[in-house]
Each structure stands twice: as structure tokens, then as C-alpha cells.
Amino acid sequence: MIHIHEEAARCLLCADAPCSKACKNSDPARAIRAVRFGNEAIARQWVAQADEAELEAAEKACIHYDRPIRIREMVKALPETPGQAGGDGHVMPGSNRASLPSLSIEFCGIRCENPFFLASSAVCTNYEMVARAFEAGWAGVFYKTICLQEIKEVSPRFDAVYDNGNHGDFYGFRNMEQLSENPVEMDFDILKRLKQNYPTKVVVASIMGQKEEDWIELAKMAEAAGCDAVELNFSCPQMRLAGMGSDVGQDPELVTFYTAFVKRSVKIPVIPKMTPNIAHISQPALGAYFAGANAISAINTIKSVTLGDGSDVNGCQTGSGYSGRAVKPIALRHILAMAKNPIMKNIQYSGIGGIETWRDALEFIQLGCCNVQVCTSVMQYGYRIIDDMILGLQNYMAERGVDNLADLVGELLPKFYLPHDLDRDTIVYPKIDREKCIGCGRCYTSCSDGGHQAISFGEDRQPRVNGAKCVGCLLCRLVCPSGAISPAKRVQKKA
């Protein structure tokens, strides 16, 4: 049986996909994209009306550089969608969409049609880009940071970290991009037109000053342009001028002062953006909180070094910001630190860092974020990923019977404890599904060389767990490529 996720990961996610162009009654590219971005449960609806001949034509049209995606096998392996099937048992396109829960939520007193925003970055640098994103379904934009200083970018300014040399699909992304290169007046005119032409969308100006007067002037210009809120970029890790970006975000006193200056100058919500390049993010965040910030954005990119081919600038290297799905656990850790701070009450969060699917977004929401900002995955895959983010989150809420997105905000926070408060008197042993086990021995190798030598592996190529040696770390479950190892029932440790 084909593994649909592995096959979907091979798909190139073509623009104007040839496989779908070869079909009259189906959209296999859309179905594959649904699998790729966490919506395998509803992927069948885009190929429900396709017959064998049409799917064969789609497969022949595939332009993969290695071998065509096995579209016919993927379609056969797609799960049915309970409760949304047509008379033939297949999901009908668009069925029950109107009955799915609304994703609307309030952020800083502003109604957002959904929690998905573009992050201040290269994905939102002009009117046309943001307009296309709004048309696609994004609820709002944190526009690329505006400053009063002249910005000159380097070339090239991006690098990536790939998995097994699989170019086109990177898990880590490094950028040396700074702020908007547009004249200040041009950017604020763009924001004004965006708000006028898309009144239901949320338009946030991201700004950065070098001194008090800069912050105040830019914030007032944002308010005059009709922006819904202003984000204070205290966190860009690669500014060439001192006293800007993460130089400010690492100094709680400066964060407090600049936030207070802006709060006194404008009436729209003020949202400081925190840097992760600090040991305790709550220190500057507390400064922003006491200065009256309405919400906090976190995180910006992480200072890093990559040495990929062509990553130098005219023979020179530098450290710069790291993003992509590799940074999500770090971003979640910083959100958790702020959300669990007992002092910081009644402040909202906008989560950023490694968000690629609706499940990623959900994790930020469950740790306390009212919305999320997305950058790197848009740079990889385009604005179109909003479709799967919206549908995935709506279907998740429908399955759980949740009507209001706000009910999910922070719901996992009570489950987080300090390490010394965790249960250390019980154990969970691994359970091996013999039907799924393919006898590769990965669990044996990892347990032998990186665990507690609790798995034996004989000539029959069947792993066996020695309960006397097993400590329940479940490393074996993590390395098993076939998903054959799962946790057993939690039991008391033996004396």
C-alpha cells in the first residue's frame, strides 16, 4: 500500500499544475496539496469524480524530474470523509462548507475573519502582493517594517537547510533581509489604500525607529493612514545600524521606553515584537506589558550561521536570521514563557515561527495566541496555503464540537508544569505492532547505541523489548519508519 504522505512530500507543488490541467472533473494537485498540508482526511473531495482514465492522464502529465507522482495509487489510498460523503460514498466538492465553524476572533479589539496573517517580511512588500493575499483568504497583514533610514539590501540574501539534499523543500531558512526599501510615504500610501479597498481585512504597520522621535513619527503616520494597529519591531537580527532591531529587544529598559512613547502618541493598538535572541524573553516582554502594550508578537528570526553553496555575499559571510519549520519548538517555548508568566495578565499574543500547516497554527493558539503570522512557508509555497489552513482548522473544530475559536486559545497552558513537578513514579513501555513492523531494525540500533540496550534483534528480524532494561524513553517509537511502535498503557514503576 502506498504511503500517501511520503508520496505527497515528493510532489513539486507546481504552479498551474499540469496534472490538474489534464483533468476535466478533478483536481489531483489540490488533493495532493491537501495531504501535504495536513488535510488528508478531506483530500478525496477534489478527486471524487475522477475515473481511472482521467487519473492516468494526470499521472502522465506529471513533470516530476525523477518519476511521476503515483496519483492513481494515492487516490485509492485516500481516506473517506465520514459525514461528508455523496451518494456514491465520495466527498462532494464544497459539501457542508457553510456548516463549518467560523474562524473569526478578536485581536486587540479588532475583529479578524480568521487567525491567519502575513508576517512582516518579503511576503508583503507592496500593494499588489498584499491585495492578492487578501483575495486568497488571509485575514490581515503585518506589513514589511517601515523605517526612516535608507535601506540597501545585499545579494544574495537567502540560504536554506535541506533534508537529504531535497532542494525546493527546506526545513530551515536563513535570511539577511532588513526592512522595506520603499520611501516612507509610499509605504503608508500603500497601507492607506489597502485599508480603503479591503475594509474587512486587518492592516498592521510594522515600524522601527532609531530614537524616540522616529518611533513617534512613524506611529503617527500609521494611525493617519488608517492602520488598525502598529507593530514595534524590536527584534530584527541583522540591522546594519546600531540601536535598532534586536539591539533594542534585548534591552528591557529600551523596550519599555519606546513602547510607552508610542502608546502616548497614538490611539490604535500597539504590539511590540520580541526577539528570541535572549535567554529570558519575559524580561523585555514585561517592559512592554508595563508600558501598556495591547499585545505582543513573537518571535522574530533566530540569529544563525549557514554555510550553503552560494550563501556568501561577494566572498563574505555573516550571521543572520533563521526561520522555517525547524524553529517552531523554539518559538512555542518563548510563547509559553510569556503566557505562563503570572504577572502578564490580559495581554494577547500573535505567534510567529515555523508555521506551515493548520496544526502548527493550532499549537500556537492552544498556548495562548489569538492569531498567527506566516512568512517562510508562504515564500516556499505561496499564498495558496491559506486554503488548507482554513479548512484544516475548521474541520478540527467541527470534529471536536468547538464553535468559537477563542475557546481554543490557551487551552493547553494548564497542562504545562516545571520539570520537577512531573510524574516520575510511572512508566510507559513501547508496544510493537507485528503487522506494521517491517523488520528494519532501526529501533534496535537506536536503543543499543543511544538508549538502554533494551531491544533484541535476531535472525527472524523481529525486535523484542526486554522490560527489565526498558526505561520507557520511547526513542524506539520516534525512529520507527513504519509507525509500528506505540505507547502501551502507563503503569507503576517496579520497586
Protein backbone atom coordinates (compact mmCIF):
# COMPACT_ATOMS: atom_id res chain seq x y z
CA MET A 1 0.00 0.00 0.00
CA ILE A 2 1.34 3.42 -0.93
CA HIS A 3 2.19 5.84 1.87
CA ILE A 4 0.26 8.95 0.87
CA HIS A 5 2.30 11.34 2.98
CA GLU A 6 5.62 10.17 1.56
CA GLU A 7 4.26 10.43 -1.98
CA ALA A 8 2.74 13.85 -1.32
CA ALA A 9 6.10 15.03 0.00
CA ARG A 10 7.60 14.17 -3.40
CA CYS A 11 5.13 16.40 -5.24
CA LEU A 12 6.70 19.58 -6.59
CA LEU A 13 3.53 21.62 -5.92
CA CYS A 14 3.69 23.04 -9.42
CA ALA A 15 2.14 26.35 -10.37
CA ASP A 16 -0.70 25.80 -12.84
CA ALA A 17 -0.20 22.08 -12.22
CA PRO A 18 -0.08 20.00 -15.43
CA CYS A 19 -1.70 17.01 -13.69
CA SER A 20 -4.83 19.01 -12.92
CA LYS A 21 -4.85 20.65 -16.33
CA ALA A 22 -5.09 17.15 -17.81
CA CYS A 23 -8.33 16.52 -15.90
CA LYS A 24 -11.87 17.71 -16.61
CA ASN A 25 -13.63 16.52 -13.48
CA SER A 26 -10.99 16.60 -10.77
CA ASP A 27 -8.06 18.50 -9.30
CA PRO A 28 -5.42 15.98 -8.23
CA ALA A 29 -2.88 18.70 -7.49
CA ARG A 30 -5.25 20.20 -4.95
CA ALA A 31 -5.86 16.79 -3.37
CA ILE A 32 -2.12 16.17 -3.07
CA ARG A 33 -1.62 19.62 -1.56
CA ALA A 34 -4.31 18.82 1.00
CA VAL A 35 -2.36 15.73 2.06
CA ARG A 36 0.88 17.70 2.13
CA PHE A 37 -0.54 20.33 4.48
CA GLY A 38 -2.40 18.16 6.94
CA ASN A 39 -5.82 17.71 5.35
CA GLU A 40 -5.59 14.12 4.21
CA ALA A 41 -8.98 13.42 5.82
CA ILE A 42 -10.77 15.68 3.32
CA ALA A 43 -8.46 15.36 0.31
CA ARG A 44 -10.74 12.96 -1.55
CA GLN A 45 -13.27 15.66 -2.40
CA TRP A 46 -11.02 17.07 -5.14
CA VAL A 47 -10.78 13.72 -6.96
CA ALA A 48 -14.19 12.27 -6.13
CA GLN A 49 -15.46 12.49 -9.71
CA ALA A 50 -12.29 11.26 -11.45
CA ASP A 51 -12.28 7.91 -13.25
CA GLU A 52 -9.26 5.71 -13.88
CA ALA A 53 -8.60 7.14 -17.34
CA GLU A 54 -8.57 10.71 -16.06
CA LEU A 55 -6.20 9.89 -13.22
CA GLU A 56 -3.93 8.03 -15.63
CA ALA A 57 -3.84 11.14 -17.84
CA ALA A 58 -2.97 13.23 -14.80
CA GLU A 59 -0.15 10.88 -13.92
CA LYS A 60 1.26 11.01 -17.44
CA ALA A 61 1.16 14.81 -17.33
CA CYS A 62 3.27 14.94 -14.14
CA ILE A 63 6.56 16.76 -14.79
CA HIS A 64 8.49 15.44 -11.78
CA TYR A 65 12.21 15.42 -12.57
CA ASP A 66 12.64 11.86 -11.21
CA ARG A 67 9.44 9.85 -11.70
CA PRO A 68 5.76 10.79 -11.81
CA ILE A 69 3.74 11.03 -8.63
CA ARG A 70 1.68 7.85 -8.27
CA ILE A 71 -1.60 9.71 -8.41
CA ARG A 72 -3.84 6.68 -9.02
CA GLU A 73 -2.44 4.80 -6.04
CA MET A 74 -2.66 7.89 -3.86
CA VAL A 75 -6.33 8.38 -4.71
CA LYS A 76 -7.13 4.77 -3.86
CA ALA A 77 -5.38 5.17 -0.51
CA LEU A 78 -7.11 8.40 0.48
CA PRO A 79 -9.49 8.01 3.41
CA GLU A 80 -13.19 8.53 3.05
CA THR A 81 -14.56 11.54 4.91
CA PRO A 82 -17.29 10.48 7.35
CA GLY A 83 -20.35 12.68 7.34
CA GLN A 84 -19.49 14.48 4.11
CA ALA A 85 -19.98 11.75 1.52
CA GLY A 86 -22.19 11.95 -1.55
CA GLY A 87 -24.46 9.20 -2.83
CA ASP A 88 -21.50 7.27 -4.22
CA GLY A 89 -19.64 7.42 -0.92
CA HIS A 90 -17.28 10.14 -2.08
CA VAL A 91 -16.94 13.62 -0.69
CA MET A 92 -18.56 16.21 -2.92
CA PRO A 93 -16.62 19.41 -3.62
CA GLY A 94 -17.70 22.17 -1.29
CA SER A 95 -20.12 19.97 0.65
CA ASN A 96 -21.05 21.23 4.09
CA ARG A 97 -18.59 24.12 3.87
CA ALA A 98 -21.26 26.54 5.08
CA SER A 99 -21.86 24.43 8.18
CA LEU A 100 -18.23 24.50 9.30
CA PRO A 101 -17.42 26.69 12.33
CA SER A 102 -16.44 30.31 11.85
CA LEU A 103 -12.79 31.15 12.48
CA SER A 104 -13.48 34.76 13.41
CA ILE A 105 -11.72 36.01 16.52
CA GLU A 106 -10.98 39.32 18.21
CA PHE A 107 -7.42 40.59 18.50
CA CYS A 108 -6.77 43.88 20.30
CA GLY A 109 -10.47 44.61 19.98
CA ILE A 110 -10.31 44.15 16.20
CA ARG A 111 -12.50 41.55 14.53
CA CYS A 112 -10.43 39.17 12.38
CA GLU A 113 -12.19 36.86 9.91
CA ASN A 114 -9.64 34.16 10.72
CA PRO A 115 -6.39 33.97 12.72
CA PHE A 116 -4.04 33.82 9.72
CA PHE A 117 -1.88 36.88 8.97
CA LEU A 118 1.12 37.58 6.77
CA ALA A 119 4.21 38.28 8.85
CA SER A 120 6.22 41.45 8.32
CA SER A 121 8.68 40.24 5.69
CA ALA A 122 9.36 39.77 2.00
CA VAL A 123 5.87 38.27 1.51
CA CYS A 124 4.21 41.69 1.88
CA THR A 125 6.26 44.48 0.35
CA ASN A 126 3.80 46.22 -2.00
CA TYR A 127 0.11 46.78 -2.65
CA GLU A 128 -0.30 44.09 -5.31
CA MET A 129 1.17 41.34 -3.14
CA VAL A 130 -1.00 42.08 -0.11
CA ALA A 131 -4.12 42.51 -2.27
CA ARG A 132 -3.58 39.05 -3.77
CA ALA A 133 -3.12 37.60 -0.30
CA PHE A 134 -6.34 39.20 0.89
CA GLU A 135 -8.19 37.87 -2.14
CA ALA A 136 -6.81 34.41 -1.36
CA GLY A 137 -8.29 34.50 2.14
CA TRP A 138 -5.63 35.85 4.53
CA ALA A 139 -7.28 37.85 7.31
CA GLY A 140 -4.64 40.50 7.68
CA VAL A 141 -1.09 41.68 7.23
CA PHE A 142 1.74 42.89 9.39
CA TYR A 143 3.28 44.92 6.56
CA LYS A 144 7.04 44.82 6.00
CA THR A 145 8.76 47.02 8.56
CA ILE A 146 8.97 50.72 7.71
CA CYS A 147 11.80 52.95 8.92
CA LEU A 148 13.16 56.44 8.26
CA GLN A 149 16.66 55.25 7.38
CA GLU A 150 17.83 54.33 3.89
CA ILE A 151 17.79 50.57 3.39
CA LYS A 152 20.16 48.86 0.96
CA GLU A 153 19.89 45.08 0.77
CA VAL A 154 22.65 42.60 -0.09
CA SER A 155 22.64 39.99 -2.84
CA PRO A 156 22.09 37.12 -2.43
CA ARG A 157 20.34 37.38 0.91
CA PHE A 158 18.75 33.95 1.41
CA ASP A 159 20.08 30.50 2.23
CA ALA A 160 18.35 27.26 3.23
CA VAL A 161 18.95 23.97 5.02
CA TYR A 162 17.57 20.98 3.13
CA ASP A 163 16.64 17.45 4.10
CA ASN A 164 18.84 14.93 2.25
CA GLY A 165 19.64 17.43 -0.48
CA ASN A 166 15.99 17.68 -1.49
CA HIS A 167 16.13 21.16 -2.97
CA GLY A 168 12.86 23.01 -3.12
CA ASP A 169 11.72 21.70 0.25
CA PHE A 170 13.78 23.21 3.05
CA TYR A 171 13.12 22.92 6.76
CA GLY A 172 15.36 25.82 7.76
CA PHE A 173 15.66 29.21 6.06
CA ARG A 174 18.22 31.94 6.67
CA ASN A 175 17.70 35.48 5.50
CA MET A 176 19.74 38.68 5.60
CA GLU A 177 16.76 40.81 4.61
CA GLN A 178 16.31 44.06 6.52
CA LEU A 179 13.38 46.46 6.21
CA SER A 180 11.26 47.99 3.46
CA GLU A 181 13.29 49.68 0.73
CA ASN A 182 10.32 51.82 -0.32
CA PRO A 183 10.14 55.51 0.55
CA VAL A 184 8.22 56.00 3.79
CA GLU A 185 5.44 57.98 2.13
CA MET A 186 4.95 55.24 -0.47
CA ASP A 187 4.55 52.53 2.16
CA PHE A 188 1.99 54.45 4.17
CA ASP A 189 0.08 55.27 0.99
CA ILE A 190 0.02 51.54 0.24
CA LEU A 191 -1.35 50.80 3.71
CA LYS A 192 -3.97 53.53 3.33
CA ARG A 193 -5.17 52.12 0.00
CA LEU A 194 -5.21 48.57 1.36
CA LYS A 195 -7.45 49.59 4.25
CA GLN A 196 -9.74 51.60 1.98
CA ASN A 197 -10.11 48.82 -0.59
CA TYR A 198 -10.25 45.93 1.91
CA PRO A 199 -12.07 47.38 4.92
CA THR A 200 -12.80 43.97 6.49
CA LYS A 201 -9.12 42.97 6.47
CA VAL A 202 -6.73 43.89 9.28
CA VAL A 203 -3.86 46.14 8.26
CA VAL A 204 -0.99 46.50 10.75
CA ALA A 205 2.01 48.76 10.13
CA SER A 206 5.29 47.35 11.39
CA ILE A 207 7.72 50.15 12.22
CA MET A 208 11.28 50.57 13.51
CA GLY A 209 12.95 53.70 14.80
CA GLN A 210 16.45 54.54 15.94
CA LYS A 211 15.46 57.14 18.51
CA GLU A 212 12.35 58.29 20.33
CA GLU A 213 11.30 60.80 17.67
CA ASP A 214 11.46 58.14 14.94
CA TRP A 215 9.10 55.78 16.77
CA ILE A 216 6.60 58.53 17.45
CA GLU A 217 6.67 59.93 13.92
CA LEU A 218 6.19 56.54 12.28
CA ALA A 219 3.42 55.50 14.68
CA LYS A 220 1.51 58.70 13.98
CA MET A 221 1.90 58.17 10.23
CA ALA A 222 0.49 54.65 10.64
CA GLU A 223 -2.51 55.97 12.53
CA ALA A 224 -3.07 58.71 9.95
CA ALA A 225 -3.00 56.12 7.17
CA GLY A 226 -5.91 54.29 8.80
CA CYS A 227 -3.96 51.27 10.04
CA ASP A 228 -5.74 49.07 12.57
CA ALA A 229 -2.66 48.73 14.77
CA VAL A 230 1.08 49.30 14.84
CA GLU A 231 3.74 46.67 15.47
CA LEU A 232 7.04 47.79 17.02
CA ASN A 233 9.90 45.79 15.52
CA PHE A 234 12.30 45.37 18.44
CA SER A 235 13.74 42.20 17.03
CA CYS A 236 15.28 42.22 13.52
CA PRO A 237 18.60 40.35 13.97
CA GLN A 238 20.54 41.80 11.03
CA MET A 239 20.28 45.57 11.15
CA ARG A 240 23.45 47.29 9.94
CA LEU A 241 22.80 50.35 12.14
CA ALA A 242 23.37 50.27 15.90
CA GLY A 243 20.47 50.87 18.24
CA MET A 244 17.90 49.20 16.01
CA GLY A 245 16.21 45.80 15.79
CA SER A 246 17.29 43.15 18.28
CA ASP A 247 19.68 45.65 19.91
CA VAL A 248 16.52 47.18 21.35
CA GLY A 249 14.67 43.90 22.01
CA GLN A 250 17.49 42.63 24.22
CA ASP A 251 17.25 45.72 26.44
CA PRO A 252 14.11 45.67 28.63
CA GLU A 253 14.56 49.33 29.50
CA LEU A 254 14.53 50.43 25.85
CA VAL A 255 11.55 48.20 25.11
CA THR A 256 9.68 49.85 27.98
CA PHE A 257 10.56 53.39 26.96
CA TYR A 258 9.86 53.05 23.25
CA THR A 259 6.58 51.21 23.86
CA ALA A 260 5.50 53.92 26.28
CA PHE A 261 6.45 56.68 23.84
CA VAL A 262 4.32 55.15 21.11
CA LYS A 263 1.40 54.38 23.43
CA ARG A 264 1.23 58.02 24.46
CA SER A 265 1.33 59.16 20.83
CA VAL A 266 -1.42 57.09 19.17
CA LYS A 267 -4.80 55.63 19.99
CA ILE A 268 -4.55 52.48 17.86
CA PRO A 269 -3.31 49.23 19.48
CA VAL A 270 0.46 48.91 19.98
CA ILE A 271 2.10 45.49 19.50
CA PRO A 272 5.82 45.12 20.35
CA LYS A 273 7.61 42.31 18.51
CA MET A 274 10.02 40.30 20.67
CA THR A 275 13.40 38.85 19.78
CA PRO A 276 14.21 35.20 20.56
CA ASN A 277 17.90 36.07 20.80
CA ILE A 278 17.73 36.38 24.57
CA ALA A 279 17.75 33.97 27.49
CA HIS A 280 14.55 35.18 29.15
CA ILE A 281 12.02 36.67 26.74
CA SER A 282 9.73 37.60 29.63
CA GLN A 283 12.11 40.36 30.75
CA PRO A 284 11.61 42.65 27.73
CA ALA A 285 8.03 41.41 27.38
CA LEU A 286 7.31 42.61 30.92
CA GLY A 287 8.71 46.00 29.96
CA ALA A 288 6.28 46.16 27.04
CA TYR A 289 3.46 44.98 29.28
CA PHE A 290 4.03 47.64 31.94
CA ALA A 291 4.32 50.28 29.21
CA GLY A 292 0.76 49.46 28.17
CA ALA A 293 1.24 47.21 25.13
CA ASN A 294 -2.03 45.80 23.81
CA ALA A 295 -0.44 42.58 22.54
CA ILE A 296 2.95 41.02 21.88
CA SER A 297 4.26 39.42 18.68
CA ALA A 298 6.82 36.63 18.99
CA ILE A 299 9.15 35.51 17.69
CA ASN A 300 11.35 37.13 15.07
CA THR A 301 14.10 35.10 13.42
CA ILE A 302 16.90 33.43 15.36
CA LYS A 303 20.49 34.53 14.88
CA SER A 304 22.29 31.81 12.98
CA VAL A 305 25.03 30.84 10.56
CA THR A 306 24.58 28.66 7.47
CA LEU A 307 27.30 27.74 5.01
CA GLY A 308 25.36 26.57 1.97
CA ASP A 309 26.68 26.89 -1.55
CA GLY A 310 26.31 30.47 -2.70
CA SER A 311 25.41 31.78 0.74
CA ASP A 312 28.21 34.35 0.74
CA VAL A 313 27.90 37.98 -0.31
CA ASN A 314 30.73 38.72 -2.69
CA GLY A 315 33.01 36.34 -0.80
CA CYS A 316 31.93 37.46 2.69
CA GLN A 317 29.79 35.63 5.26
CA THR A 318 27.74 36.87 8.20
CA GLY A 319 25.27 35.67 10.78
CA SER A 320 21.61 36.44 10.21
CA GLY A 321 18.03 35.35 10.92
CA TYR A 322 16.88 31.71 10.84
CA SER A 323 13.25 30.67 10.30
CA GLY A 324 11.19 27.82 8.83
CA ARG A 325 9.61 24.78 10.43
CA ALA A 326 12.86 23.99 12.29
CA VAL A 327 12.32 26.93 14.66
CA LYS A 328 8.73 26.16 15.71
CA PRO A 329 9.62 24.41 19.01
CA ILE A 330 11.77 27.39 19.99
CA ALA A 331 9.01 29.84 19.12
CA LEU A 332 6.49 27.82 21.14
CA ARG A 333 8.86 27.80 24.10
CA HIS A 334 9.01 31.61 24.08
CA ILE A 335 5.23 31.94 23.75
CA LEU A 336 4.81 29.54 26.67
CA ALA A 337 7.24 31.52 28.84
CA MET A 338 5.22 34.70 28.37
CA ALA A 339 1.79 33.11 28.55
CA LYS A 340 2.65 31.32 31.82
CA ASN A 341 4.07 34.45 33.42
CA PRO A 342 1.66 35.18 36.30
CA ILE A 343 2.28 38.93 36.10
CA MET A 344 1.32 39.38 32.46
CA LYS A 345 -2.47 39.24 32.63
CA ASN A 346 -4.95 40.40 30.00
CA ILE A 347 -2.46 40.74 27.17
CA GLN A 348 -2.81 38.95 23.86
CA TYR A 349 -0.20 37.22 21.70
CA SER A 350 0.47 36.91 18.00
CA GLY A 351 2.50 33.77 17.32
CA ILE A 352 5.28 33.52 14.73
CA GLY A 353 7.81 30.84 13.86
CA GLY A 354 7.74 27.74 11.67
CA ILE A 355 4.01 27.76 10.90
CA GLU A 356 3.38 25.67 7.79
CA THR A 357 0.12 23.82 8.42
CA TRP A 358 -3.09 24.39 10.35
CA ARG A 359 -1.79 22.02 13.01
CA ASP A 360 1.23 24.29 13.55
CA ALA A 361 -1.10 27.26 13.92
CA LEU A 362 -3.29 25.33 16.35
CA GLU A 363 -0.33 24.70 18.64
CA PHE A 364 0.34 28.43 18.92
CA ILE A 365 -3.35 29.09 19.56
CA GLN A 366 -3.55 26.40 22.24
CA LEU A 367 -0.60 28.05 24.01
CA GLY A 368 -2.33 31.41 24.11
CA CYS A 369 -2.09 33.13 20.71
CA CYS A 370 -5.14 34.83 19.21
CA ASN A 371 -3.59 34.87 15.77
CA VAL A 372 -0.51 33.65 13.93
CA GLN A 373 1.83 35.25 11.41
CA VAL A 374 3.27 33.29 8.49
CA CYS A 375 6.28 34.07 6.33
CA THR A 376 8.69 31.28 5.33
CA SER A 377 6.05 28.77 4.22
CA VAL A 378 4.47 31.46 2.02
CA MET A 379 7.89 32.09 0.48
CA GLN A 380 8.12 28.36 -0.25
CA TYR A 381 4.61 27.52 -1.35
CA GLY A 382 2.73 30.76 -1.97
CA TYR A 383 -0.37 32.43 -0.58
CA ARG A 384 -2.43 29.36 -1.61
CA ILE A 385 -1.57 27.54 1.61
CA ILE A 386 -4.26 29.60 3.31
CA ASP A 387 -6.88 27.23 1.83
CA ASP A 388 -5.61 24.26 3.80
CA MET A 389 -5.00 26.32 6.92
CA ILE A 390 -8.61 27.49 6.99
CA LEU A 391 -10.20 24.17 6.04
CA GLY A 392 -7.99 22.18 8.38
CA LEU A 393 -8.72 24.31 11.41
CA GLN A 394 -12.44 24.44 10.63
CA ASN A 395 -12.65 20.66 10.29
CA TYR A 396 -10.71 20.19 13.52
CA MET A 397 -13.15 22.44 15.36
CA ALA A 398 -16.12 20.66 13.81
CA GLU A 399 -14.77 17.26 14.88
CA ARG A 400 -14.30 18.49 18.45
CA GLY A 401 -17.62 20.33 18.52
CA VAL A 402 -15.95 23.70 19.14
CA ASP A 403 -17.99 26.64 17.85
CA ASN A 404 -15.73 29.55 18.83
CA LEU A 405 -12.04 29.72 18.01
CA ALA A 406 -11.46 31.79 21.14
CA ASP A 407 -12.32 28.69 23.20
CA LEU A 408 -9.10 27.08 21.99
CA VAL A 409 -6.85 29.99 22.96
CA GLY A 410 -4.56 28.88 25.79
CA GLU A 411 -6.38 25.61 26.43
CA LEU A 412 -3.14 23.64 26.86
CA LEU A 413 -1.49 26.05 29.28
CA PRO A 414 -2.80 24.24 32.40
CA LYS A 415 -1.02 21.07 31.23
CA PHE A 416 2.44 22.65 31.44
CA TYR A 417 4.45 22.16 34.63
CA LEU A 418 8.01 22.70 35.75
CA PRO A 419 10.27 19.64 35.27
CA HIS A 420 10.45 18.85 38.99
CA ASP A 421 6.64 18.61 39.14
CA LEU A 422 6.33 15.87 36.50
CA ASP A 423 5.28 12.29 37.35
CA ARG A 424 8.35 10.13 37.94
CA ASP A 425 6.64 7.14 39.53
CA THR A 426 5.05 5.57 36.44
CA ILE A 427 6.34 4.28 33.12
CA VAL A 428 5.08 3.77 29.58
CA TYR A 429 6.56 0.79 27.73
CA PRO A 430 6.66 0.50 23.93
CA LYS A 431 4.18 -1.76 22.15
CA ILE A 432 5.13 -3.28 18.78
CA ASP A 433 2.52 -3.90 16.08
CA ARG A 434 3.84 -7.02 14.32
CA GLU A 435 1.73 -6.41 11.24
CA LYS A 436 3.22 -2.96 10.69
CA CYS A 437 6.77 -3.92 11.64
CA ILE A 438 8.93 -4.39 8.51
CA GLY A 439 11.97 -5.75 10.37
CA CYS A 440 14.35 -2.91 9.56
CA GLY A 441 15.98 -2.95 12.98
CA ARG A 442 16.10 0.84 13.38
CA CYS A 443 14.64 0.56 16.88
CA TYR A 444 17.31 -1.96 17.85
CA THR A 445 20.16 0.19 16.56
CA SER A 446 18.95 3.35 18.26
CA CYS A 447 18.19 1.65 21.57
CA SER A 448 21.55 -0.15 21.50
CA ASP A 449 23.67 2.87 20.69
CA GLY A 450 21.59 5.75 22.03
CA GLY A 451 19.31 4.20 24.62
CA HIS A 452 19.38 1.42 27.22
CA GLN A 453 20.05 -1.76 25.21
CA ALA A 454 16.51 -2.95 25.90
CA ILE A 455 15.68 -4.28 22.40
CA SER A 456 16.99 -7.52 20.94
CA PHE A 457 17.01 -8.30 17.22
CA GLY A 458 17.51 -11.85 15.98
CA GLU A 459 17.69 -13.72 12.69
CA ASP A 460 13.90 -13.56 12.33
CA ARG A 461 14.28 -9.74 12.13
CA GLN A 462 11.72 -9.23 14.86
CA PRO A 463 12.56 -6.71 17.62
CA ARG A 464 11.72 -7.73 21.16
CA VAL A 465 11.61 -5.48 24.22
CA ASN A 466 13.30 -6.50 27.47
CA GLY A 467 11.08 -4.98 30.15
CA ALA A 468 13.78 -5.30 32.81
CA LYS A 469 16.05 -2.94 30.88
CA CYS A 470 13.48 -0.66 29.23
CA VAL A 471 13.15 2.76 30.88
CA GLY A 472 10.19 3.91 28.78
CA CYS A 473 12.05 6.66 26.94
CA LEU A 474 10.24 5.67 23.68
CA LEU A 475 13.16 6.61 21.45
CA CYS A 476 12.24 3.47 19.51
CA ARG A 477 8.84 4.94 18.64
CA LEU A 478 10.43 8.08 17.25
CA VAL A 479 12.86 6.30 14.93
CA CYS A 480 10.46 3.62 13.64
CA PRO A 481 9.83 4.46 9.95
CA SER A 482 6.67 2.34 9.62
CA GLY A 483 4.80 3.55 12.70
CA ALA A 484 4.82 0.08 14.22
CA ILE A 485 5.73 1.20 17.75
CA SER A 486 3.26 2.97 20.03
CA PRO A 487 2.99 3.62 23.78
CA ALA A 488 1.41 0.92 25.92
CA LYS A 489 -0.72 1.66 28.98
CA ARG A 490 1.00 3.69 31.69
CA VAL A 491 1.84 1.54 34.74
CA GLN A 492 3.56 1.97 38.10
CA LYS A 493 7.30 1.53 38.12
CA LYS A 494 8.54 -1.59 39.83
CA ALA A 495 10.47 -1.14 43.04
